[in-house]
């Protein structure tokens, strides 16, 4: 029999065996919550939802009808889980054979998962990411990425400001556009063309924003793959697509902007402490990168939450 929990609405036809449920949460008919589960404040747990013991759900989470949250699933705050989303927790399931420990599956804050999506065990859905309806997520999704299909692939990144319905998902901003991401600049250098071929020149102390200490090229990237996904503490970078095209997303933890590098006349300057991601490489893409500092593994921030925390700490220090 379900016990009453102060401040929590539990439908008479729901079965709630635990009491670690935050105030303002609503649990509707035929939902079943096992005794070890932890559910935060102001959640909406809809009809026919099953929540197992080793599950944590944050605050203000919506779980629509027909979802099962199995042992090992952790859901952070402000997440939306659509109807009939299927979570899994065993990569090689056998009848009556159970794992001693289930691989953790994590849905980070603010993420949304569309109806009928399938989430394989051990993946992380990044903060603010969106999983399209019916997608099969076989590996972790970066923060703010929109993934669709089977297997799920990134089709674009989610903007802080929703675009108009007929606006393109990506595009190079005009040269006179106001900066959106702190310190990022789109530079333009004409290419000299004649019958013998084209010539592009970038000169130190003239049109490069720093004296390069390292250069490297990225090429033969499968068009569906993602690179980058990190920030540098002190190193700045200048990206030029010498051939083909590459989409680049820049994020300063407050604003996010996407650029398309599709001409050697364009170069994108990414300063230190800006999160950069490259994806949607064309099959012939050749990306040339100038770096202001030599390679140093300690200069990389590879966890997005750590990056956001570092930006907040720096802002507090500036006062």
Protein backbone atom coordinates (compact mmCIF):
# COMPACT_ATOMS: atom_id res chain seq x y z
CA UNK A 1 0.00 0.00 0.00
CA UNK A 2 1.33 3.43 -0.91
CA UNK A 3 2.02 5.68 2.05
CA UNK A 4 1.16 9.39 1.96
CA UNK A 5 4.15 11.73 1.53
CA UNK A 6 3.65 15.36 2.57
CA UNK A 7 3.62 17.74 -0.38
CA UNK A 8 3.55 14.92 -2.97
CA UNK A 9 0.54 14.00 -5.10
CA UNK A 10 0.24 10.24 -5.64
CA UNK A 11 -2.65 8.94 -7.71
CA UNK A 12 -4.68 6.27 -5.89
CA UNK A 13 -3.80 3.74 -8.59
CA UNK A 14 -0.03 4.37 -8.41
CA UNK A 15 2.30 2.13 -6.37
CA UNK A 16 5.03 4.07 -4.58
CA UNK A 17 7.17 1.93 -2.27
CA UNK A 18 9.69 4.60 -1.21
CA UNK A 19 9.46 7.98 0.46
CA UNK A 20 12.50 9.85 -0.92
CA UNK A 21 10.38 12.07 -3.14
CA UNK A 22 10.55 15.88 -3.19
CA UNK A 23 7.64 18.21 -2.54
CA UNK A 24 5.55 19.31 -5.50
CA UNK A 25 6.10 16.06 -7.39
CA UNK A 26 3.09 14.37 -9.00
CA UNK A 27 2.92 10.63 -9.65
CA UNK A 28 0.06 9.46 -11.82
CA UNK A 29 -1.95 6.26 -12.32
CA UNK A 30 -0.26 2.89 -12.70
CA UNK A 31 3.21 4.31 -12.08
CA UNK A 32 5.42 2.05 -9.92
CA UNK A 33 8.33 3.47 -7.89
CA UNK A 34 10.57 0.98 -6.06
CA UNK A 35 11.77 1.73 -2.52
CA UNK A 36 15.37 2.69 -3.37
CA UNK A 37 14.54 5.32 -5.98
CA UNK A 38 15.19 9.02 -5.32
CA UNK A 39 12.96 11.61 -7.03
CA UNK A 40 13.44 15.37 -6.68
CA UNK A 41 11.04 18.29 -6.31
CA UNK A 42 8.33 19.39 -8.76
CA UNK A 43 8.62 16.35 -11.04
CA UNK A 44 5.82 14.96 -13.18
CA UNK A 45 5.82 11.14 -13.36
CA UNK A 46 3.11 10.15 -15.82
CA UNK A 47 0.98 7.00 -16.23
CA UNK A 48 2.64 3.58 -16.56
CA UNK A 49 6.15 4.72 -15.59
CA UNK A 50 8.39 2.22 -13.79
CA UNK A 51 11.34 3.47 -11.68
CA UNK A 52 13.76 0.89 -10.30
CA UNK A 53 15.80 1.04 -7.07
CA UNK A 54 19.17 2.38 -8.21
CA UNK A 55 17.72 5.41 -9.97
CA UNK A 56 18.10 9.10 -9.15
CA UNK A 57 15.84 11.75 -10.69
CA UNK A 58 16.56 15.46 -10.21
CA UNK A 59 14.18 18.39 -9.79
CA UNK A 60 11.56 19.55 -12.32
CA UNK A 61 11.89 16.42 -14.45
CA UNK A 62 9.06 15.28 -16.71
CA UNK A 63 8.78 11.56 -17.44
CA UNK A 64 5.98 10.87 -19.90
CA UNK A 65 3.88 7.72 -20.17
CA UNK A 66 5.36 4.28 -20.77
CA UNK A 67 8.96 4.95 -19.67
CA UNK A 68 11.06 2.56 -17.55
CA UNK A 69 14.06 3.88 -15.62
CA UNK A 70 16.23 0.87 -14.81
CA UNK A 71 19.00 0.47 -12.23
CA UNK A 72 21.97 2.65 -13.13
CA UNK A 73 20.01 5.48 -14.75
CA UNK A 74 20.64 8.96 -13.36
CA UNK A 75 18.55 11.89 -14.52
CA UNK A 76 19.62 15.43 -13.60
CA UNK A 77 17.28 18.40 -13.14
CA UNK A 78 15.06 20.00 -15.82
CA UNK A 79 15.12 16.95 -18.11
CA UNK A 80 12.24 15.98 -20.41
CA UNK A 81 11.78 12.28 -21.24
CA UNK A 82 9.15 11.68 -23.91
CA UNK A 83 6.58 8.88 -24.11
CA UNK A 84 7.83 5.30 -24.46
CA UNK A 85 11.52 6.19 -24.30
CA UNK A 86 13.42 2.93 -23.71
CA UNK A 87 16.45 2.88 -21.41
CA UNK A 88 18.65 -0.22 -21.21
CA UNK A 89 21.22 -1.20 -18.58
CA UNK A 90 22.84 -4.43 -19.76
CA UNK A 91 24.83 -4.54 -23.02
CA UNK A 92 24.56 -8.36 -23.25
CA UNK A 93 21.35 -9.37 -21.43
CA UNK A 94 20.51 -12.99 -20.64
CA UNK A 95 17.44 -14.30 -18.88
CA UNK A 96 17.99 -14.60 -15.11
CA UNK A 97 21.60 -13.45 -15.37
CA UNK A 98 22.20 -10.15 -13.60
CA UNK A 99 25.17 -7.82 -13.47
CA UNK A 100 26.81 -7.11 -10.12
CA UNK A 101 26.97 -3.44 -11.13
CA UNK A 102 25.08 -1.77 -13.94
CA UNK A 103 26.88 0.67 -16.26
CA UNK A 104 25.81 4.22 -15.37
CA UNK A 105 23.58 5.98 -17.89
CA UNK A 106 23.46 9.72 -17.29
CA UNK A 107 21.04 12.32 -18.64
CA UNK A 108 22.51 15.73 -17.85
CA UNK A 109 20.57 18.84 -16.85
CA UNK A 110 18.19 20.39 -19.36
CA UNK A 111 18.38 17.56 -21.90
CA UNK A 112 15.32 16.35 -23.82
CA UNK A 113 14.66 12.88 -25.22
CA UNK A 114 11.95 12.45 -27.86
CA UNK A 115 9.25 9.80 -27.99
CA UNK A 116 10.26 6.18 -28.63
CA UNK A 117 14.00 6.85 -28.50
CA UNK A 118 16.22 4.00 -27.29
CA UNK A 119 19.19 4.74 -25.01
CA UNK A 120 21.90 2.07 -24.80
CA UNK A 121 23.61 1.44 -21.45
CA UNK A 122 26.57 3.47 -20.26
CA UNK A 123 26.05 6.58 -22.41
CA UNK A 124 25.77 10.19 -21.31
CA UNK A 125 23.26 12.60 -22.82
CA UNK A 126 24.99 15.97 -22.47
CA UNK A 127 23.54 19.09 -20.86
CA UNK A 128 20.93 20.78 -23.05
CA UNK A 129 21.17 18.08 -25.72
CA UNK A 130 18.14 16.92 -27.69
CA UNK A 131 17.50 13.35 -28.85
CA UNK A 132 15.06 13.10 -31.74
CA UNK A 133 11.99 10.87 -31.68
CA UNK A 134 12.83 7.25 -32.47
CA UNK A 135 16.60 7.76 -32.32
CA UNK A 136 18.84 4.92 -31.14
CA UNK A 137 21.61 6.40 -29.00
CA UNK A 138 24.61 4.08 -29.12
CA UNK A 139 27.22 6.46 -27.74
CA UNK A 140 27.40 9.64 -25.66
CA UNK A 141 25.81 12.83 -26.97
CA UNK A 142 27.78 16.11 -26.56
CA UNK A 143 26.22 19.03 -24.67
CA UNK A 144 23.65 20.99 -26.72
CA UNK A 145 23.82 18.60 -29.71
CA UNK A 146 20.71 17.50 -31.60
CA UNK A 147 20.93 13.84 -32.64
CA UNK A 148 18.56 11.80 -34.81
CA UNK A 149 18.47 8.44 -36.55
CA UNK A 150 19.71 4.88 -36.00
CA UNK A 151 22.43 5.03 -34.88
CA UNK A 152 21.91 8.57 -33.62
CA UNK A 153 24.13 11.17 -35.30
CA UNK A 154 24.56 14.89 -34.75
CA UNK A 155 22.64 16.99 -37.27
CA UNK A 156 23.22 20.35 -35.61
CA UNK A 157 23.64 22.12 -32.29
CA UNK A 158 20.90 23.79 -30.31
CA UNK A 159 21.12 27.56 -30.09
CA UNK A 160 20.50 29.54 -26.91
CA UNK A 161 18.12 31.69 -28.98
CA UNK A 162 15.63 29.68 -31.07
CA UNK A 163 15.92 30.43 -34.79
CA UNK A 164 12.99 31.43 -36.95
CA UNK A 165 11.16 28.45 -38.48
CA UNK A 166 12.55 29.14 -41.96
CA UNK A 167 16.08 30.11 -40.82
CA UNK A 168 18.98 27.89 -41.85
CA UNK A 169 20.39 25.70 -39.11
CA UNK A 170 23.90 27.06 -39.73
CA UNK A 171 25.61 29.80 -41.61
CA UNK A 172 28.53 32.19 -41.63
CA UNK A 173 27.55 35.44 -39.92
CA UNK A 174 28.09 38.64 -41.93
CA UNK A 175 31.44 40.38 -41.52
CA UNK A 176 29.87 43.30 -39.68
CA UNK A 177 27.85 41.13 -37.27
CA UNK A 178 28.29 41.94 -33.59
CA UNK A 179 30.35 39.34 -31.72
CA UNK A 180 28.18 36.79 -29.98
CA UNK A 181 30.74 34.48 -28.37
CA UNK A 182 33.35 36.25 -26.27
CA UNK A 183 36.57 36.91 -28.22
CA UNK A 184 35.68 34.86 -31.30
CA UNK A 185 36.46 36.56 -34.62
CA UNK A 186 35.79 35.60 -38.22
CA UNK A 187 38.69 36.85 -40.36
CA UNK A 188 38.68 37.22 -44.12
CA UNK A 189 41.69 37.18 -46.43
CA UNK A 190 41.27 37.41 -50.22
CA UNK A 191 42.66 34.57 -52.32
CA UNK A 192 44.72 35.59 -55.34
CA UNK A 193 43.43 33.74 -58.38
CA UNK A 194 45.01 33.28 -61.80
CA UNK A 195 45.34 30.64 -64.51
CA UNK A 196 48.18 28.91 -62.66
CA UNK A 197 46.06 28.31 -59.57
CA UNK A 198 44.96 30.10 -56.40
CA UNK A 199 47.22 31.59 -53.73
CA UNK A 200 46.18 32.37 -50.15
CA UNK A 201 48.51 34.20 -47.75
CA UNK A 202 48.36 34.59 -43.97
CA UNK A 203 51.18 36.73 -42.56
CA UNK A 204 52.54 36.81 -39.01
CA UNK A 205 52.29 40.30 -37.42
CA UNK A 206 49.92 41.38 -40.20
CA UNK A 207 46.73 39.32 -40.41
CA UNK A 208 47.35 36.51 -37.92
CA UNK A 209 46.10 37.24 -34.37
CA UNK A 210 49.22 35.65 -32.80
CA UNK A 211 52.62 34.21 -33.65
CA UNK A 212 51.97 30.50 -34.27
CA UNK A 213 53.90 28.03 -32.15
CA UNK A 214 52.30 24.96 -33.71
CA UNK A 215 50.41 24.07 -36.87
CA UNK A 216 48.51 20.91 -37.75
CA UNK A 217 46.07 19.62 -40.34
CA UNK A 218 42.89 17.57 -39.93
CA UNK A 219 41.68 15.57 -42.93
CA UNK A 220 40.03 12.29 -43.95
CA UNK A 221 37.46 12.70 -41.14
CA UNK A 222 34.30 10.62 -41.65
CA UNK A 223 31.61 13.18 -42.33
CA UNK A 224 29.46 12.08 -39.38
CA UNK A 225 32.23 12.36 -36.78
CA UNK A 226 32.82 15.10 -34.21
CA UNK A 227 36.18 16.58 -33.27
CA UNK A 228 37.24 19.21 -30.79
CA UNK A 229 34.83 19.21 -27.86
CA UNK A 230 37.25 21.02 -25.57
CA UNK A 231 38.51 24.43 -24.50
CA UNK A 232 42.07 25.66 -23.97
CA UNK A 233 43.17 27.53 -20.86
CA UNK A 234 45.80 29.73 -22.55
CA UNK A 235 46.10 28.59 -26.17
CA UNK A 236 44.31 30.41 -28.98
CA UNK A 237 43.63 28.81 -32.36
CA UNK A 238 42.97 29.96 -35.92
CA UNK A 239 41.01 27.53 -38.13
CA UNK A 240 41.07 27.65 -41.95
CA UNK A 241 39.29 25.20 -44.26
CA UNK A 242 41.76 24.93 -47.13
CA UNK A 243 39.46 22.48 -48.89
CA UNK A 244 35.85 21.42 -48.39
CA UNK A 245 33.77 22.61 -45.47
CA UNK A 246 33.58 22.20 -41.70
CA UNK A 247 30.98 23.42 -39.19
CA UNK A 248 32.44 24.93 -36.01
CA UNK A 249 30.47 25.63 -32.83
CA UNK A 250 31.90 28.13 -30.32
CA UNK A 251 30.55 28.40 -26.77
CA UNK A 252 31.62 30.78 -23.97
CA UNK A 253 29.19 29.24 -21.41
CA UNK A 254 26.79 32.14 -21.96
CA UNK A 255 26.38 32.26 -25.72
CA UNK A 256 26.78 29.75 -28.50
CA UNK A 257 27.31 30.39 -32.21
CA UNK A 258 27.89 28.16 -35.21
CA UNK A 259 30.07 28.96 -38.21
CA UNK A 260 30.56 27.27 -41.56
CA UNK A 261 34.13 27.38 -42.86
CA UNK A 262 33.78 26.62 -46.56
CA UNK A 263 36.42 28.81 -48.21
CA UNK A 264 40.17 29.39 -47.72
CA UNK A 265 39.29 33.09 -47.60
CA UNK A 266 37.74 32.56 -44.15
CA UNK A 267 39.51 31.91 -40.86
CA UNK A 268 37.94 31.53 -37.43
CA UNK A 269 39.85 32.73 -34.38
CA UNK A 270 38.94 30.85 -31.18
CA UNK A 271 40.50 32.47 -28.11
CA UNK A 272 41.39 30.71 -24.85
CA UNK A 273 38.48 29.64 -22.63
CA UNK A 274 36.02 29.16 -25.46
CA UNK A 275 34.59 25.67 -25.97
CA UNK A 276 35.06 24.57 -29.58
CA UNK A 277 33.49 21.71 -31.51
CA UNK A 278 33.94 20.80 -35.18
CA UNK A 279 31.55 18.50 -37.00
CA UNK A 280 29.83 17.92 -40.34
CA UNK A 281 33.12 17.62 -42.21
CA UNK A 282 32.69 17.29 -45.95
CA UNK A 283 34.36 14.19 -47.37
CA UNK A 284 37.11 16.31 -48.96
CA UNK A 285 37.63 18.65 -45.98
CA UNK A 286 41.16 19.78 -45.11
CA UNK A 287 41.23 21.91 -41.95
CA UNK A 288 44.44 23.77 -41.14
CA UNK A 289 44.92 24.97 -37.56
CA UNK A 290 47.39 27.54 -36.23
CA UNK A 291 47.97 27.38 -32.46
CA UNK A 292 49.44 30.14 -30.29
CA UNK A 293 51.18 27.69 -27.92
CA UNK A 294 52.94 24.33 -28.15
CA UNK A 295 50.96 21.21 -27.32
CA UNK A 296 50.34 20.82 -23.58
CA UNK A 297 47.82 18.23 -22.29
CA UNK A 298 47.32 20.31 -19.12
CA UNK A 299 46.03 23.20 -21.24
CA UNK A 300 42.93 21.24 -22.32
CA UNK A 301 39.55 21.29 -20.56
CA UNK A 302 37.68 18.28 -21.93
CA UNK A 303 34.66 18.18 -19.58
CA UNK A 304 31.95 20.73 -20.41
CA UNK A 305 30.76 21.12 -16.82
CA UNK A 306 34.36 21.74 -15.70
CA UNK A 307 34.62 24.38 -18.43
CA UNK A 308 31.44 26.13 -17.27
CA UNK A 309 32.67 26.05 -13.67
CA UNK A 310 36.05 27.51 -14.69
CA UNK A 311 34.33 30.34 -16.57
CA UNK A 312 32.14 31.11 -13.55
CA UNK A 313 35.17 31.09 -11.24
CA UNK A 314 37.05 33.49 -13.54
CA UNK A 315 34.03 35.81 -13.67
CA UNK A 316 33.80 35.83 -9.87
CA UNK A 317 37.50 36.67 -9.58
CA UNK A 318 37.04 39.64 -11.92
CA UNK A 319 34.30 40.74 -9.54
